[in-house]
Each structure stands twice: as structure tokens, then as C-alpha cells.
Amino acid sequence: WIPPIASIPVENRLSNFRHQLNLAKINHDKLQKIKHNLTPLQQQQIRQLKNNKDFIILNADKNLGPCIIERSQYIQNTLNEHLLDDTTYQYLTKQQGEIHLQQLKENTIKLIKD
């Protein structure tokens, strides 16, 4: 079955759509051919390190590339530099935490309903 030719505006839109689709495919193909700045060996080593639970791989500041830190050191730094800072954070007892959590749930439900 071959559909009948549509009106000129419809045929023009179809033609434009086909053209845009072809351009999108060309752009997609170009993106697939991006050359990495790491060798295949370096990429393999980073994948291996990512799978190692003893390390955390992060992006460095200012796009300087990947950096790696031992998980235990990362946790210790986070605690020391942030969570244990009593000028920024307040320690809550379990009961206080549960009360705040319940209030948060209630406020969230209220926001969703409104």
C-alpha cells in the first residue's frame, strides 16, 4: 500500500522532519567517534579501580581529570571537615532524629497534596 500524496504543507513538514532526522543521526554518529584523552590501558585501569571498593574515584576540581582517594580516608575527611563540625551541624539523639524525620514526612505529604 502506498499512501496518497498529502497536501503541500504536510509533505513539506514530512520532508523537513526527514531532513532533521538525518541531521540528528549524523550528529549522533559524530559524537560516537569522540576520541578519548586516555589510552585504552588507562581506561581499563580506571574501570578496575572503580570496581575496587577500597577506593573512590572523583572528578577533580576545575576539570583537572579524575582523582582517587581511599574510601576510609574519604569518610574520615567528610566527618572531620563537615559532619563533626558542631558550628554547622547539631548532634541529635535518636528520638530527636525520629521527630524531625516524622515532621519532614508530614511536611512533604502536605506539599504534595497542596
N, C-alpha and C. Protein backbone atom coordinates (compact mmCIF):
# COMPACT_ATOMS: atom_id res chain seq x y z
N TRP A 1 0.85 -1.19 0.00
CA TRP A 1 0.00 0.00 0.00
C TRP A 1 0.88 1.22 0.00
N ILE A 2 0.62 2.14 -0.87
CA ILE A 2 1.33 3.41 -0.94
C ILE A 2 0.32 4.51 -0.63
N PRO A 3 0.61 5.27 0.44
CA PRO A 3 -0.36 6.32 0.81
C PRO A 3 -0.41 7.41 -0.26
N PRO A 4 -1.55 8.04 -0.37
CA PRO A 4 -1.65 9.12 -1.36
C PRO A 4 -0.81 10.31 -0.91
N ILE A 5 -0.43 11.12 -1.86
CA ILE A 5 0.35 12.32 -1.55
C ILE A 5 -0.55 13.28 -0.77
N ALA A 6 0.02 13.81 0.31
CA ALA A 6 -0.73 14.73 1.16
C ALA A 6 -0.67 16.14 0.58
N SER A 7 -1.29 17.04 1.28
CA SER A 7 -1.25 18.45 0.84
C SER A 7 0.20 18.95 0.90
N ILE A 8 0.44 20.03 0.19
CA ILE A 8 1.81 20.56 0.11
C ILE A 8 2.37 20.90 1.50
N PRO A 9 1.61 21.56 2.40
CA PRO A 9 2.17 21.84 3.73
C PRO A 9 2.54 20.57 4.50
N VAL A 10 1.72 19.54 4.39
CA VAL A 10 2.02 18.28 5.10
C VAL A 10 3.26 17.63 4.49
N GLU A 11 3.34 17.58 3.18
CA GLU A 11 4.51 16.99 2.53
C GLU A 11 5.78 17.78 2.88
N ASN A 12 5.67 19.10 2.94
CA ASN A 12 6.83 19.92 3.34
C ASN A 12 7.26 19.60 4.77
N ARG A 13 6.30 19.43 5.65
CA ARG A 13 6.64 19.09 7.04
C ARG A 13 7.31 17.72 7.12
N LEU A 14 6.78 16.77 6.36
CA LEU A 14 7.39 15.43 6.34
C LEU A 14 8.81 15.49 5.80
N SER A 15 9.01 16.25 4.76
CA SER A 15 10.34 16.40 4.18
C SER A 15 11.29 17.04 5.20
N ASN A 16 10.82 18.09 5.87
CA ASN A 16 11.63 18.77 6.89
C ASN A 16 11.96 17.81 8.04
N PHE A 17 10.99 17.00 8.44
CA PHE A 17 11.21 16.02 9.51
C PHE A 17 12.28 15.02 9.11
N ARG A 18 12.19 14.50 7.87
CA ARG A 18 13.21 13.55 7.39
C ARG A 18 14.60 14.19 7.41
N HIS A 19 14.65 15.45 6.97
CA HIS A 19 15.93 16.17 6.95
C HIS A 19 16.49 16.32 8.37
N GLN A 20 15.66 16.75 9.31
CA GLN A 20 16.10 16.92 10.70
C GLN A 20 16.53 15.59 11.30
N LEU A 21 15.82 14.53 10.97
CA LEU A 21 16.18 13.19 11.46
C LEU A 21 17.55 12.77 10.93
N ASN A 22 17.79 13.03 9.66
CA ASN A 22 19.11 12.70 9.08
C ASN A 22 20.22 13.51 9.74
N LEU A 23 19.97 14.79 10.01
CA LEU A 23 20.97 15.62 10.69
C LEU A 23 21.24 15.09 12.09
N ALA A 24 20.20 14.69 12.80
CA ALA A 24 20.37 14.16 14.15
C ALA A 24 21.21 12.89 14.11
N LYS A 25 20.97 12.03 13.12
CA LYS A 25 21.76 10.80 13.00
C LYS A 25 23.23 11.12 12.72
N ILE A 26 23.47 12.07 11.85
CA ILE A 26 24.85 12.46 11.53
C ILE A 26 25.54 13.00 12.78
N ASN A 27 24.86 13.86 13.53
CA ASN A 27 25.44 14.40 14.76
C ASN A 27 25.68 13.30 15.79
N HIS A 28 24.77 12.35 15.88
CA HIS A 28 24.94 11.23 16.81
C HIS A 28 26.16 10.41 16.43
N ASP A 29 26.30 10.14 15.14
CA ASP A 29 27.45 9.36 14.67
C ASP A 29 28.76 10.09 14.97
N LYS A 30 28.76 11.42 14.82
CA LYS A 30 29.97 12.19 15.13
C LYS A 30 30.32 12.09 16.61
N LEU A 31 29.29 12.14 17.47
CA LEU A 31 29.54 12.05 18.91
C LEU A 31 30.11 10.68 19.28
N GLN A 32 29.71 9.66 18.56
CA GLN A 32 30.20 8.32 18.86
C GLN A 32 31.68 8.17 18.54
N LYS A 33 32.19 9.05 17.70
CA LYS A 33 33.58 8.94 17.28
C LYS A 33 34.52 9.85 18.07
N ILE A 34 34.05 10.36 19.21
CA ILE A 34 34.89 11.23 20.03
C ILE A 34 36.12 10.45 20.50
N LYS A 35 37.25 11.06 20.37
CA LYS A 35 38.49 10.41 20.78
C LYS A 35 38.74 10.71 22.25
N HIS A 36 38.97 9.67 23.02
CA HIS A 36 39.22 9.83 24.45
C HIS A 36 40.64 10.32 24.68
N ASN A 37 40.83 11.05 25.78
CA ASN A 37 42.18 11.53 26.09
C ASN A 37 42.96 10.53 26.94
N LEU A 38 42.36 9.38 27.20
CA LEU A 38 43.04 8.30 27.93
C LEU A 38 43.27 7.13 26.99
N THR A 39 44.38 6.46 27.18
CA THR A 39 44.65 5.28 26.37
C THR A 39 43.71 4.16 26.81
N PRO A 40 43.52 3.15 25.98
CA PRO A 40 42.68 2.02 26.39
C PRO A 40 43.17 1.37 27.69
N LEU A 41 44.49 1.30 27.89
CA LEU A 41 45.03 0.73 29.12
C LEU A 41 44.63 1.59 30.32
N GLN A 42 44.74 2.91 30.19
CA GLN A 42 44.35 3.81 31.28
C GLN A 42 42.86 3.68 31.58
N GLN A 43 42.04 3.59 30.53
CA GLN A 43 40.60 3.41 30.72
C GLN A 43 40.31 2.11 31.46
N GLN A 44 41.02 1.04 31.11
CA GLN A 44 40.83 -0.26 31.77
C GLN A 44 41.23 -0.16 33.24
N GLN A 45 42.34 0.51 33.51
CA GLN A 45 42.80 0.64 34.90
C GLN A 45 41.81 1.46 35.74
N ILE A 46 41.24 2.50 35.17
CA ILE A 46 40.26 3.30 35.89
C ILE A 46 39.01 2.46 36.17
N ARG A 47 38.58 1.67 35.19
CA ARG A 47 37.43 0.78 35.42
C ARG A 47 37.71 -0.20 36.56
N GLN A 48 38.93 -0.75 36.59
CA GLN A 48 39.29 -1.67 37.66
C GLN A 48 39.28 -0.97 39.01
N LEU A 49 39.79 0.23 39.06
CA LEU A 49 39.80 0.99 40.31
C LEU A 49 38.39 1.35 40.75
N LYS A 50 37.52 1.69 39.79
CA LYS A 50 36.13 2.00 40.12
C LYS A 50 35.44 0.80 40.76
N ASN A 51 35.80 -0.39 40.32
CA ASN A 51 35.17 -1.61 40.86
C ASN A 51 35.78 -2.03 42.19
N ASN A 52 36.89 -1.42 42.59
CA ASN A 52 37.53 -1.74 43.85
C ASN A 52 36.87 -0.91 44.96
N LYS A 53 36.25 -1.57 45.90
CA LYS A 53 35.50 -0.88 46.95
C LYS A 53 36.40 -0.17 47.97
N ASP A 54 37.70 -0.36 47.89
CA ASP A 54 38.63 0.31 48.81
C ASP A 54 38.93 1.75 48.38
N PHE A 55 38.55 2.10 47.15
CA PHE A 55 38.85 3.42 46.61
C PHE A 55 37.60 4.11 46.10
N ILE A 56 37.65 5.43 46.05
CA ILE A 56 36.61 6.23 45.44
C ILE A 56 37.28 7.09 44.38
N ILE A 57 36.71 7.08 43.18
CA ILE A 57 37.23 7.91 42.10
C ILE A 57 36.28 9.08 41.93
N LEU A 58 36.84 10.27 41.95
CA LEU A 58 36.06 11.51 41.85
C LEU A 58 36.61 12.35 40.70
N ASN A 59 35.80 13.30 40.27
CA ASN A 59 36.30 14.29 39.32
C ASN A 59 36.98 15.40 40.11
N ALA A 60 38.16 15.76 39.68
CA ALA A 60 38.90 16.83 40.36
C ALA A 60 38.24 18.17 40.09
N ASP A 61 38.53 19.13 40.95
CA ASP A 61 38.04 20.49 40.74
C ASP A 61 38.57 21.05 39.43
N LYS A 62 37.82 21.93 38.84
CA LYS A 62 38.23 22.67 37.64
C LYS A 62 38.59 21.76 36.48
N ASN A 63 37.91 20.63 36.37
CA ASN A 63 38.09 19.70 35.26
C ASN A 63 39.54 19.28 35.05
N LEU A 64 40.22 19.01 36.15
CA LEU A 64 41.62 18.58 36.04
C LEU A 64 41.76 17.08 35.85
N GLY A 65 40.65 16.39 35.69
CA GLY A 65 40.69 14.95 35.45
C GLY A 65 40.28 14.18 36.68
N PRO A 66 40.34 12.87 36.59
CA PRO A 66 39.92 12.04 37.72
C PRO A 66 40.95 12.06 38.84
N CYS A 67 40.48 11.86 40.06
CA CYS A 67 41.38 11.69 41.19
C CYS A 67 40.86 10.51 42.01
N ILE A 68 41.71 9.96 42.82
CA ILE A 68 41.37 8.76 43.57
C ILE A 68 41.74 8.97 45.03
N ILE A 69 40.92 8.41 45.91
CA ILE A 69 41.18 8.50 47.35
C ILE A 69 40.70 7.21 47.99
N GLU A 70 41.42 6.79 49.03
CA GLU A 70 40.97 5.60 49.76
C GLU A 70 39.63 5.89 50.42
N ARG A 71 38.73 4.93 50.36
CA ARG A 71 37.39 5.11 50.92
C ARG A 71 37.44 5.50 52.39
N SER A 72 38.29 4.84 53.17
CA SER A 72 38.36 5.14 54.60
C SER A 72 38.82 6.58 54.84
N GLN A 73 39.77 7.05 54.03
CA GLN A 73 40.25 8.43 54.16
C GLN A 73 39.16 9.42 53.76
N TYR A 74 38.42 9.10 52.71
CA TYR A 74 37.33 9.96 52.25
C TYR A 74 36.27 10.11 53.35
N ILE A 75 35.92 9.00 53.98
CA ILE A 75 34.92 9.03 55.06
C ILE A 75 35.44 9.85 56.23
N GLN A 76 36.71 9.65 56.59
CA GLN A 76 37.30 10.40 57.70
C GLN A 76 37.33 11.89 57.40
N ASN A 77 37.72 12.25 56.17
CA ASN A 77 37.74 13.66 55.77
C ASN A 77 36.34 14.27 55.84
N THR A 78 35.35 13.53 55.37
CA THR A 78 33.97 14.02 55.39
C THR A 78 33.51 14.27 56.81
N LEU A 79 33.82 13.34 57.69
CA LEU A 79 33.44 13.51 59.08
C LEU A 79 34.14 14.72 59.69
N ASN A 80 35.46 14.77 59.55
CA ASN A 80 36.24 15.84 60.18
C ASN A 80 35.93 17.22 59.61
N GLU A 81 35.77 17.31 58.31
CA GLU A 81 35.60 18.61 57.67
C GLU A 81 34.15 19.09 57.64
N HIS A 82 33.21 18.17 57.86
CA HIS A 82 31.82 18.56 57.73
C HIS A 82 30.97 18.11 58.91
N LEU A 83 30.71 16.84 58.98
CA LEU A 83 29.69 16.34 59.90
C LEU A 83 30.04 16.50 61.38
N LEU A 84 31.31 16.50 61.73
CA LEU A 84 31.69 16.67 63.13
C LEU A 84 31.90 18.14 63.50
N ASP A 85 31.65 19.03 62.56
CA ASP A 85 31.79 20.46 62.80
C ASP A 85 30.54 20.96 63.54
N ASP A 86 30.65 21.14 64.86
CA ASP A 86 29.47 21.50 65.66
C ASP A 86 29.06 22.96 65.49
N THR A 87 29.84 23.74 64.72
CA THR A 87 29.39 25.10 64.41
C THR A 87 28.41 25.09 63.24
N THR A 88 28.39 24.00 62.50
CA THR A 88 27.49 23.88 61.35
C THR A 88 26.38 22.88 61.61
N TYR A 89 26.73 21.76 62.24
CA TYR A 89 25.78 20.68 62.46
C TYR A 89 25.52 20.49 63.95
N GLN A 90 24.34 20.00 64.25
CA GLN A 90 23.97 19.74 65.64
C GLN A 90 23.72 18.24 65.80
N TYR A 91 24.29 17.66 66.84
CA TYR A 91 24.08 16.25 67.12
C TYR A 91 22.65 16.06 67.63
N LEU A 92 21.96 15.08 67.09
CA LEU A 92 20.61 14.75 67.53
C LEU A 92 20.61 13.36 68.15
N THR A 93 19.81 13.21 69.18
CA THR A 93 19.60 11.86 69.72
C THR A 93 18.73 11.11 68.74
N LYS A 94 18.63 9.82 68.91
CA LYS A 94 17.79 9.02 68.03
C LYS A 94 16.35 9.52 68.08
N GLN A 95 15.88 9.84 69.28
CA GLN A 95 14.50 10.32 69.43
C GLN A 95 14.30 11.66 68.70
N GLN A 96 15.26 12.57 68.85
CA GLN A 96 15.16 13.86 68.15
C GLN A 96 15.17 13.66 66.63
N GLY A 97 16.01 12.76 66.18
CA GLY A 97 16.07 12.47 64.75
C GLY A 97 14.76 11.91 64.23
N GLU A 98 14.16 11.01 65.00
CA GLU A 98 12.88 10.43 64.59
C GLU A 98 11.79 11.49 64.54
N ILE A 99 11.80 12.42 65.49
CA ILE A 99 10.80 13.51 65.49
C ILE A 99 10.97 14.38 64.25
N HIS A 100 12.22 14.76 63.96
CA HIS A 100 12.48 15.58 62.76
C HIS A 100 12.10 14.83 61.49
N LEU A 101 12.38 13.55 61.44
CA LEU A 101 12.04 12.75 60.27
C LEU A 101 10.53 12.70 60.08
N GLN A 102 9.79 12.52 61.16
CA GLN A 102 8.33 12.49 61.07
C GLN A 102 7.80 13.84 60.59
N GLN A 103 8.35 14.94 61.11
CA GLN A 103 7.93 16.27 60.66
C GLN A 103 8.23 16.47 59.18
N LEU A 104 9.38 15.98 58.75
CA LEU A 104 9.75 16.10 57.34
C LEU A 104 8.77 15.33 56.47
N LYS A 105 8.41 14.12 56.88
CA LYS A 105 7.45 13.32 56.12
C LYS A 105 6.10 14.03 56.03
N GLU A 106 5.64 14.57 57.16
CA GLU A 106 4.35 15.27 57.18
C GLU A 106 4.38 16.50 56.29
N ASN A 107 5.45 17.28 56.36
CA ASN A 107 5.57 18.46 55.51
C ASN A 107 5.64 18.10 54.03
N THR A 108 6.32 17.02 53.72
CA THR A 108 6.43 16.57 52.33
C THR A 108 5.06 16.17 51.79
N ILE A 109 4.33 15.41 52.59
CA ILE A 109 2.98 14.99 52.17
C ILE A 109 2.09 16.21 51.98
N LYS A 110 2.19 17.17 52.88
CA LYS A 110 1.39 18.39 52.78
C LYS A 110 1.74 19.15 51.50
N LEU A 111 3.02 19.25 51.17
CA LEU A 111 3.43 19.93 49.95
C LEU A 111 2.89 19.23 48.70
N ILE A 112 2.92 17.91 48.72
CA ILE A 112 2.44 17.14 47.57
C ILE A 112 0.94 17.33 47.38
N LYS A 113 0.21 17.35 48.49
CA LYS A 113 -1.25 17.49 48.39
C LYS A 113 -1.66 18.89 47.98
N ASP A 114 -0.88 19.90 48.38
CA ASP A 114 -1.23 21.29 48.02
C ASP A 114 -0.82 21.52 46.61
